[in-house]
Amino acid sequence: MGPVLTPTRIIRSICGSGDLAAVLNAPALTEADAAETPRDWLAGIWVNGAVYSLDPAVTTETLAVLADGAGAVEWSPEGLACGYGHGRVGHWCPADVESWQDGDVRGVTRDWRSIHIWDANGYSESIVYPTVAEAKAAFLVERDLLERMGEELVANAA
């Protein structure tokens, strides 16, 4: 299977939870494919010539976690709203993400164990932490640093 066509975009690589959800929400080719769960895909999900392995230690029937820690998705059953606008049908949605940004100036996003920090001057850094708890703590630290930076810049400009 090459790039996966979704209603909004073509997936050419899996860079995080949103991409993983789009791939897993694509229509199954066969009934056997439709009956599989993430435990059947531990060796990897093939997209556009690359294989994206799942973490066997934490992947379950209803949770798929990329082995590199860059993202995870969970199964949201039909009728259960997950916050991503698909409440009427069963689907995969990002499992644990959070973000903060100061307009278009700077921001930080956490996607499972991955933190991405950026600013409008071109700074961009991504770090994958050993655990979700460490990534959550790092997200809070980075958000606080960016908030203080913004406050200092405003104070210095006044």
C-alpha atoms as a PDB file:
ATOM      1  CA  MET A   1       0.000   0.000   0.000  1.00  0.00           C
ATOM      2  CA  GLY A   2       1.418   3.422  -0.954  1.00  0.00           C
ATOM      3  CA  PRO A   3       0.300   6.804   0.360  1.00  0.00           C
ATOM      4  CA  VAL A   4      -3.051   6.599   2.104  1.00  0.00           C
ATOM      5  CA  LEU A   5      -5.763   8.885   0.791  1.00  0.00           C
ATOM      6  CA  THR A   6      -7.867  10.423   3.525  1.00  0.00           C
ATOM      7  CA  PRO A   7     -10.694  12.925   3.148  1.00  0.00           C
ATOM      8  CA  THR A   8      -8.304  15.795   3.912  1.00  0.00           C
ATOM      9  CA  ARG A   9      -4.840  14.769   2.736  1.00  0.00           C
ATOM     10  CA  ILE A  10      -2.515  12.111   1.402  1.00  0.00           C
ATOM     11  CA  ILE A  11      -0.347  10.528   4.087  1.00  0.00           C
ATOM     12  CA  ARG A  12       3.225  10.093   2.840  1.00  0.00           C
ATOM     13  CA  SER A  13       4.812   9.434   6.233  1.00  0.00           C
ATOM     14  CA  ILE A  14       3.788   8.920   9.841  1.00  0.00           C
ATOM     15  CA  CYS A  15       5.216  11.816  11.847  1.00  0.00           C
ATOM     16  CA  GLY A  16       2.826  11.738  14.797  1.00  0.00           C
ATOM     17  CA  SER A  17      -0.571  10.785  16.141  1.00  0.00           C
ATOM     18  CA  GLY A  18      -2.577  12.657  13.506  1.00  0.00           C
ATOM     19  CA  ASP A  19      -0.862  10.814  10.662  1.00  0.00           C
ATOM     20  CA  LEU A  20      -1.173   7.467  12.438  1.00  0.00           C
ATOM     21  CA  ALA A  21      -4.898   8.066  13.016  1.00  0.00           C
ATOM     22  CA  ALA A  22      -5.411   8.958   9.350  1.00  0.00           C
ATOM     23  CA  VAL A  23      -3.703   5.743   8.233  1.00  0.00           C
ATOM     24  CA  LEU A  24      -5.647   3.537  10.650  1.00  0.00           C
ATOM     25  CA  ASN A  25      -8.944   5.243   9.784  1.00  0.00           C
ATOM     26  CA  ALA A  26      -8.486   4.487   6.078  1.00  0.00           C
ATOM     27  CA  PRO A  27     -10.955   1.880   4.758  1.00  0.00           C
ATOM     28  CA  ALA A  28      -9.742  -1.713   5.128  1.00  0.00           C
ATOM     29  CA  LEU A  29      -9.012  -3.525   1.866  1.00  0.00           C
ATOM     30  CA  THR A  30     -10.416  -6.874   3.024  1.00  0.00           C
ATOM     31  CA  GLU A  31     -12.635  -8.252   5.796  1.00  0.00           C
ATOM     32  CA  ALA A  32      -9.562  -9.900   7.314  1.00  0.00           C
ATOM     33  CA  ASP A  33      -7.815  -6.504   7.398  1.00  0.00           C
ATOM     34  CA  ALA A  34     -10.857  -4.973   9.103  1.00  0.00           C
ATOM     35  CA  ALA A  35     -10.743  -7.637  11.845  1.00  0.00           C
ATOM     36  CA  GLU A  36      -7.116  -6.917  12.759  1.00  0.00           C
ATOM     37  CA  THR A  37      -6.020  -4.861  15.761  1.00  0.00           C
ATOM     38  CA  PRO A  38      -2.761  -3.019  16.489  1.00  0.00           C
ATOM     39  CA  ARG A  39      -1.377  -6.184  18.094  1.00  0.00           C
ATOM     40  CA  ASP A  40      -1.415  -7.645  14.557  1.00  0.00           C
ATOM     41  CA  TRP A  41       0.734  -4.753  13.244  1.00  0.00           C
ATOM     42  CA  LEU A  42       3.627  -4.772  15.724  1.00  0.00           C
ATOM     43  CA  ALA A  43       6.145  -5.477  12.950  1.00  0.00           C
ATOM     44  CA  GLY A  44       5.109  -2.213  11.387  1.00  0.00           C
ATOM     45  CA  ILE A  45       2.751  -0.241   9.249  1.00  0.00           C
ATOM     46  CA  TRP A  46       4.019   0.336   5.737  1.00  0.00           C
ATOM     47  CA  VAL A  47       3.442   3.808   4.266  1.00  0.00           C
ATOM     48  CA  ASN A  48       5.041   5.063   1.075  1.00  0.00           C
ATOM     49  CA  GLY A  49       7.999   2.670   1.285  1.00  0.00           C
ATOM     50  CA  ALA A  50       8.756   3.162   4.992  1.00  0.00           C
ATOM     51  CA  VAL A  51       7.849   0.847   7.851  1.00  0.00           C
ATOM     52  CA  TYR A  52       6.643   2.389  11.125  1.00  0.00           C
ATOM     53  CA  SER A  53       6.955  -0.123  13.953  1.00  0.00           C
ATOM     54  CA  LEU A  54       4.655  -0.164  16.954  1.00  0.00           C
ATOM     55  CA  ASP A  55       5.848  -0.437  20.548  1.00  0.00           C
ATOM     56  CA  PRO A  56       4.970  -3.998  21.666  1.00  0.00           C
ATOM     57  CA  ALA A  57       5.254  -3.104  25.372  1.00  0.00           C
ATOM     58  CA  VAL A  58       2.326  -0.660  25.331  1.00  0.00           C
ATOM     59  CA  THR A  59       0.342  -1.360  22.156  1.00  0.00           C
ATOM     60  CA  THR A  60      -2.977  -3.086  22.885  1.00  0.00           C
ATOM     61  CA  GLU A  61      -6.139  -3.973  20.977  1.00  0.00           C
ATOM     62  CA  THR A  62      -7.345  -0.360  21.372  1.00  0.00           C
ATOM     63  CA  LEU A  63      -4.080   1.598  21.611  1.00  0.00           C
ATOM     64  CA  ALA A  64      -1.416   1.846  18.895  1.00  0.00           C
ATOM     65  CA  VAL A  65       1.881   3.447  19.952  1.00  0.00           C
ATOM     66  CA  LEU A  66       4.706   4.218  17.538  1.00  0.00           C
ATOM     67  CA  ALA A  67       7.930   2.528  18.627  1.00  0.00           C
ATOM     68  CA  ASP A  68       9.849   5.798  18.315  1.00  0.00           C
ATOM     69  CA  GLY A  69       7.475   7.514  20.768  1.00  0.00           C
ATOM     70  CA  ALA A  70       6.402  10.159  18.244  1.00  0.00           C
ATOM     71  CA  GLY A  71       2.698   9.441  18.635  1.00  0.00           C
ATOM     72  CA  ALA A  72      -0.105   7.153  19.689  1.00  0.00           C
ATOM     73  CA  VAL A  73      -3.754   6.655  18.847  1.00  0.00           C
ATOM     74  CA  GLU A  74      -6.617   5.048  20.696  1.00  0.00           C
ATOM     75  CA  TRP A  75      -9.829   3.470  19.465  1.00  0.00           C
ATOM     76  CA  SER A  76     -12.887   5.603  20.094  1.00  0.00           C
ATOM     77  CA  PRO A  77     -16.023   3.429  19.854  1.00  0.00           C
ATOM     78  CA  GLU A  78     -19.075   4.484  17.901  1.00  0.00           C
ATOM     79  CA  GLY A  79     -21.111   7.098  19.740  1.00  0.00           C
ATOM     80  CA  LEU A  80     -18.277   8.208  22.007  1.00  0.00           C
ATOM     81  CA  ALA A  81     -17.060  11.720  21.209  1.00  0.00           C
ATOM     82  CA  CYS A  82     -13.274  11.990  21.410  1.00  0.00           C
ATOM     83  CA  GLY A  83     -12.861  15.683  20.744  1.00  0.00           C
ATOM     84  CA  TYR A  84     -11.716  15.233  17.153  1.00  0.00           C
ATOM     85  CA  GLY A  85     -15.139  15.472  15.533  1.00  0.00           C
ATOM     86  CA  HIS A  86     -15.837  11.800  14.792  1.00  0.00           C
ATOM     87  CA  GLY A  87     -18.346  10.931  17.528  1.00  0.00           C
ATOM     88  CA  ARG A  88     -20.842   9.122  15.307  1.00  0.00           C
ATOM     89  CA  VAL A  89     -18.612   6.306  14.054  1.00  0.00           C
ATOM     90  CA  GLY A  90     -15.870   4.210  15.595  1.00  0.00           C
ATOM     91  CA  HIS A  91     -12.444   5.566  14.710  1.00  0.00           C
ATOM     92  CA  TRP A  92      -8.836   6.036  15.781  1.00  0.00           C
ATOM     93  CA  CYS A  93      -7.919   9.378  17.342  1.00  0.00           C
ATOM     94  CA  PRO A  94      -4.751  10.851  18.908  1.00  0.00           C
ATOM     95  CA  ALA A  95      -4.301   9.332  22.350  1.00  0.00           C
ATOM     96  CA  ASP A  96      -2.512  12.000  24.366  1.00  0.00           C
ATOM     97  CA  VAL A  97      -1.587  15.367  22.900  1.00  0.00           C
ATOM     98  CA  GLU A  98      -1.474  18.922  24.180  1.00  0.00           C
ATOM     99  CA  SER A  99      -0.274  22.209  22.790  1.00  0.00           C
ATOM    100  CA  TRP A 100       0.262  25.824  23.696  1.00  0.00           C
ATOM    101  CA  GLN A 101       1.121  28.744  21.486  1.00  0.00           C
ATOM    102  CA  ASP A 102       1.515  32.472  21.775  1.00  0.00           C
ATOM    103  CA  GLY A 103      -0.258  33.495  18.572  1.00  0.00           C
ATOM    104  CA  ASP A 104       2.013  32.907  15.604  1.00  0.00           C
ATOM    105  CA  VAL A 105       5.120  33.806  17.623  1.00  0.00           C
ATOM    106  CA  ARG A 106       6.094  30.663  19.564  1.00  0.00           C
ATOM    107  CA  GLY A 107       4.681  27.398  20.823  1.00  0.00           C
ATOM    108  CA  VAL A 108       5.152  23.913  22.139  1.00  0.00           C
ATOM    109  CA  THR A 109       3.292  20.712  21.315  1.00  0.00           C
ATOM    110  CA  ARG A 110       3.412  17.342  23.043  1.00  0.00           C
ATOM    111  CA  ASP A 111       2.386  14.281  21.075  1.00  0.00           C
ATOM    112  CA  TRP A 112       2.657  11.166  23.288  1.00  0.00           C
ATOM    113  CA  ARG A 113       6.391  11.165  24.243  1.00  0.00           C
ATOM    114  CA  SER A 114       7.466  13.780  21.702  1.00  0.00           C
ATOM    115  CA  ILE A 115       7.826  17.520  22.383  1.00  0.00           C
ATOM    116  CA  HIS A 116       8.117  20.065  19.559  1.00  0.00           C
ATOM    117  CA  ILE A 117       9.205  23.621  20.418  1.00  0.00           C
ATOM    118  CA  TRP A 118       9.171  26.395  17.801  1.00  0.00           C
ATOM    119  CA  ASP A 119       9.244  30.128  17.293  1.00  0.00           C
ATOM    120  CA  ALA A 120       8.621  32.496  14.396  1.00  0.00           C
ATOM    121  CA  ASN A 121      12.347  33.200  14.003  1.00  0.00           C
ATOM    122  CA  GLY A 122      12.829  29.712  12.603  1.00  0.00           C
ATOM    123  CA  TYR A 123      13.774  27.892  15.798  1.00  0.00           C
ATOM    124  CA  SER A 124      12.409  24.352  15.783  1.00  0.00           C
ATOM    125  CA  GLU A 125      13.394  21.461  18.018  1.00  0.00           C
ATOM    126  CA  SER A 126      11.809  18.076  18.647  1.00  0.00           C
ATOM    127  CA  ILE A 127      12.717  15.812  21.548  1.00  0.00           C
ATOM    128  CA  VAL A 128      11.355  12.350  22.314  1.00  0.00           C
ATOM    129  CA  TYR A 129      11.356  11.476  26.020  1.00  0.00           C
ATOM    130  CA  PRO A 130      11.646   7.976  27.528  1.00  0.00           C
ATOM    131  CA  THR A 131       8.167   8.142  29.123  1.00  0.00           C
ATOM    132  CA  VAL A 132       4.894   9.994  28.658  1.00  0.00           C
ATOM    133  CA  ALA A 133       5.229  11.357  32.204  1.00  0.00           C
ATOM    134  CA  GLU A 134       8.638  12.875  31.389  1.00  0.00           C
ATOM    135  CA  ALA A 135       7.250  14.371  28.179  1.00  0.00           C
ATOM    136  CA  LYS A 136       4.319  15.886  30.094  1.00  0.00           C
ATOM    137  CA  ALA A 137       6.689  17.424  32.627  1.00  0.00           C
ATOM    138  CA  ALA A 138       8.948  18.765  29.855  1.00  0.00           C
ATOM    139  CA  PHE A 139       5.925  20.236  28.078  1.00  0.00           C
ATOM    140  CA  LEU A 140       5.015  22.223  31.206  1.00  0.00           C
ATOM    141  CA  VAL A 141       8.596  23.451  31.639  1.00  0.00           C
ATOM    142  CA  GLU A 142       8.868  24.517  27.985  1.00  0.00           C
ATOM    143  CA  ARG A 143       5.459  26.202  28.055  1.00  0.00           C
ATOM    144  CA  ASP A 144       6.426  28.152  31.181  1.00  0.00           C
ATOM    145  CA  LEU A 145       9.751  29.200  29.627  1.00  0.00           C
ATOM    146  CA  LEU A 146       8.020  30.396  26.460  1.00  0.00           C
ATOM    147  CA  GLU A 147       5.375  32.282  28.459  1.00  0.00           C
ATOM    148  CA  ARG A 148       8.079  34.034  30.500  1.00  0.00           C
ATOM    149  CA  MET A 149      10.009  34.822  27.335  1.00  0.00           C
ATOM    150  CA  GLY A 150       6.913  36.454  25.866  1.00  0.00           C
ATOM    151  CA  GLU A 151       6.282  38.468  29.041  1.00  0.00           C
ATOM    152  CA  GLU A 152       9.917  39.634  29.125  1.00  0.00           C
ATOM    153  CA  LEU A 153       9.803  40.694  25.480  1.00  0.00           C
ATOM    154  CA  VAL A 154       6.626  42.700  26.097  1.00  0.00           C
ATOM    155  CA  ALA A 155       8.121  44.301  29.241  1.00  0.00           C
ATOM    156  CA  ASN A 156      11.353  45.176  27.430  1.00  0.00           C
ATOM    157  CA  ALA A 157       9.438  46.735  24.550  1.00  0.00           C
ATOM    158  CA  ALA A 158       7.477  49.004  26.899  1.00  0.00           C
END
